[in-house]
Amino acid sequence: GIVNARVVSLGRYGRTKIIKISASLKSIEEGLQEDLFMLGVTELVTR
């Protein structure tokens, strides 16, 4: 999938979930720019 997550044991610090995005940043930006709702959100984030 686009987002991969796995749980890792860090000993006494407990378990944590490591999340990775397998899609390139450029393809994510292009997809969000095509979505009119997310267009406003991406403009807020890039400020």
N, C-alpha and C. Protein backbone atom coordinates (compact mmCIF):
# COMPACT_ATOMS: atom_id res chain seq x y z
N GLY A 1 0.80 -1.19 0.00
CA GLY A 1 0.00 0.00 0.00
C GLY A 1 0.85 1.25 0.00
N ILE A 2 0.19 2.35 0.12
CA ILE A 2 0.87 3.65 0.13
C ILE A 2 1.53 3.88 1.48
N VAL A 3 0.87 3.47 2.55
CA VAL A 3 1.40 3.66 3.90
C VAL A 3 1.64 2.29 4.52
N ASN A 4 2.85 2.08 5.04
CA ASN A 4 3.19 0.83 5.71
C ASN A 4 3.48 1.13 7.18
N ALA A 5 3.00 0.27 8.07
CA ALA A 5 3.24 0.45 9.50
C ALA A 5 3.59 -0.89 10.12
N ARG A 6 4.54 -0.86 11.04
CA ARG A 6 4.89 -2.07 11.78
C ARG A 6 5.19 -1.69 13.22
N VAL A 7 4.92 -2.62 14.10
CA VAL A 7 5.15 -2.41 15.53
C VAL A 7 6.52 -2.97 15.88
N VAL A 8 7.32 -2.17 16.59
CA VAL A 8 8.66 -2.56 16.98
C VAL A 8 8.77 -2.50 18.50
N SER A 9 9.38 -3.51 19.09
CA SER A 9 9.60 -3.52 20.53
C SER A 9 10.91 -2.80 20.84
N LEU A 10 10.83 -1.81 21.73
CA LEU A 10 12.02 -1.05 22.12
C LEU A 10 12.44 -1.37 23.55
N GLY A 11 12.21 -2.61 23.96
CA GLY A 11 12.62 -3.04 25.29
C GLY A 11 11.85 -2.33 26.38
N ARG A 12 12.55 -1.75 27.32
CA ARG A 12 11.87 -1.10 28.45
C ARG A 12 11.13 0.17 28.05
N TYR A 13 11.38 0.68 26.85
CA TYR A 13 10.68 1.87 26.36
C TYR A 13 9.35 1.52 25.71
N GLY A 14 9.04 0.23 25.66
CA GLY A 14 7.75 -0.22 25.15
C GLY A 14 7.73 -0.43 23.65
N ARG A 15 6.53 -0.63 23.14
CA ARG A 15 6.36 -0.85 21.71
C ARG A 15 6.00 0.46 21.04
N THR A 16 6.45 0.62 19.81
CA THR A 16 6.11 1.81 19.04
C THR A 16 5.80 1.40 17.62
N LYS A 17 5.02 2.20 16.94
CA LYS A 17 4.65 1.91 15.56
C LYS A 17 5.49 2.79 14.64
N ILE A 18 6.20 2.16 13.72
CA ILE A 18 6.99 2.89 12.73
C ILE A 18 6.17 2.95 11.45
N ILE A 19 5.93 4.16 10.97
CA ILE A 19 5.09 4.38 9.79
C ILE A 19 5.95 4.93 8.67
N LYS A 20 5.87 4.30 7.50
CA LYS A 20 6.62 4.74 6.32
C LYS A 20 5.67 4.96 5.16
N ILE A 21 5.98 5.96 4.36
CA ILE A 21 5.20 6.23 3.15
C ILE A 21 6.01 5.70 1.97
N SER A 22 5.41 4.80 1.19
CA SER A 22 6.14 4.18 0.09
C SER A 22 6.00 4.94 -1.22
N ALA A 23 5.10 5.90 -1.29
CA ALA A 23 4.93 6.70 -2.50
C ALA A 23 5.90 7.88 -2.45
N SER A 24 6.29 8.37 -3.62
CA SER A 24 7.19 9.51 -3.67
C SER A 24 6.46 10.79 -3.29
N LEU A 25 7.20 11.75 -2.77
CA LEU A 25 6.62 13.01 -2.34
C LEU A 25 5.98 13.74 -3.52
N LYS A 26 6.60 13.66 -4.68
CA LYS A 26 6.07 14.34 -5.86
C LYS A 26 4.71 13.77 -6.27
N SER A 27 4.56 12.46 -6.24
CA SER A 27 3.28 11.86 -6.63
C SER A 27 2.19 12.18 -5.61
N ILE A 28 2.55 12.28 -4.34
CA ILE A 28 1.58 12.67 -3.31
C ILE A 28 1.13 14.11 -3.53
N GLU A 29 2.09 15.01 -3.79
CA GLU A 29 1.75 16.41 -4.04
C GLU A 29 0.85 16.55 -5.26
N GLU A 30 1.15 15.82 -6.33
CA GLU A 30 0.33 15.89 -7.54
C GLU A 30 -1.08 15.40 -7.27
N GLY A 31 -1.21 14.33 -6.51
CA GLY A 31 -2.53 13.80 -6.18
C GLY A 31 -3.34 14.75 -5.32
N LEU A 32 -2.68 15.40 -4.36
CA LEU A 32 -3.39 16.35 -3.50
C LEU A 32 -3.80 17.61 -4.25
N GLN A 33 -2.99 18.03 -5.22
CA GLN A 33 -3.32 19.22 -5.99
C GLN A 33 -4.54 18.99 -6.88
N GLU A 34 -4.80 17.75 -7.26
CA GLU A 34 -5.97 17.44 -8.07
C GLU A 34 -7.25 17.43 -7.24
N ASP A 35 -7.12 17.23 -5.93
CA ASP A 35 -8.28 17.18 -5.04
C ASP A 35 -8.57 18.59 -4.53
N LEU A 36 -9.74 19.12 -4.87
CA LEU A 36 -10.07 20.50 -4.54
C LEU A 36 -10.15 20.73 -3.03
N PHE A 37 -10.63 19.75 -2.27
CA PHE A 37 -10.71 19.90 -0.82
C PHE A 37 -9.31 19.99 -0.21
N MET A 38 -8.42 19.11 -0.63
CA MET A 38 -7.08 19.07 -0.06
C MET A 38 -6.20 20.20 -0.55
N LEU A 39 -6.59 20.87 -1.62
CA LEU A 39 -5.80 21.97 -2.15
C LEU A 39 -5.62 23.05 -1.09
N GLY A 40 -6.68 23.40 -0.38
CA GLY A 40 -6.58 24.40 0.69
C GLY A 40 -5.70 23.95 1.83
N VAL A 41 -5.74 22.67 2.15
CA VAL A 41 -4.92 22.13 3.24
C VAL A 41 -3.45 22.19 2.87
N THR A 42 -3.10 21.83 1.63
CA THR A 42 -1.70 21.84 1.23
C THR A 42 -1.15 23.26 1.19
N GLU A 43 -1.99 24.23 0.87
CA GLU A 43 -1.52 25.62 0.88
C GLU A 43 -1.22 26.07 2.30
N LEU A 44 -2.00 25.62 3.28
CA LEU A 44 -1.74 25.97 4.68
C LEU A 44 -0.45 25.33 5.18
N VAL A 45 -0.19 24.11 4.75
CA VAL A 45 0.99 23.38 5.22
C VAL A 45 2.27 23.98 4.66
N THR A 46 2.25 24.46 3.42
CA THR A 46 3.46 24.96 2.78
C THR A 46 3.84 26.36 3.24
N ARG A 47 3.00 27.00 4.03
CA ARG A 47 3.35 28.36 4.52
C ARG A 47 4.44 28.32 5.53
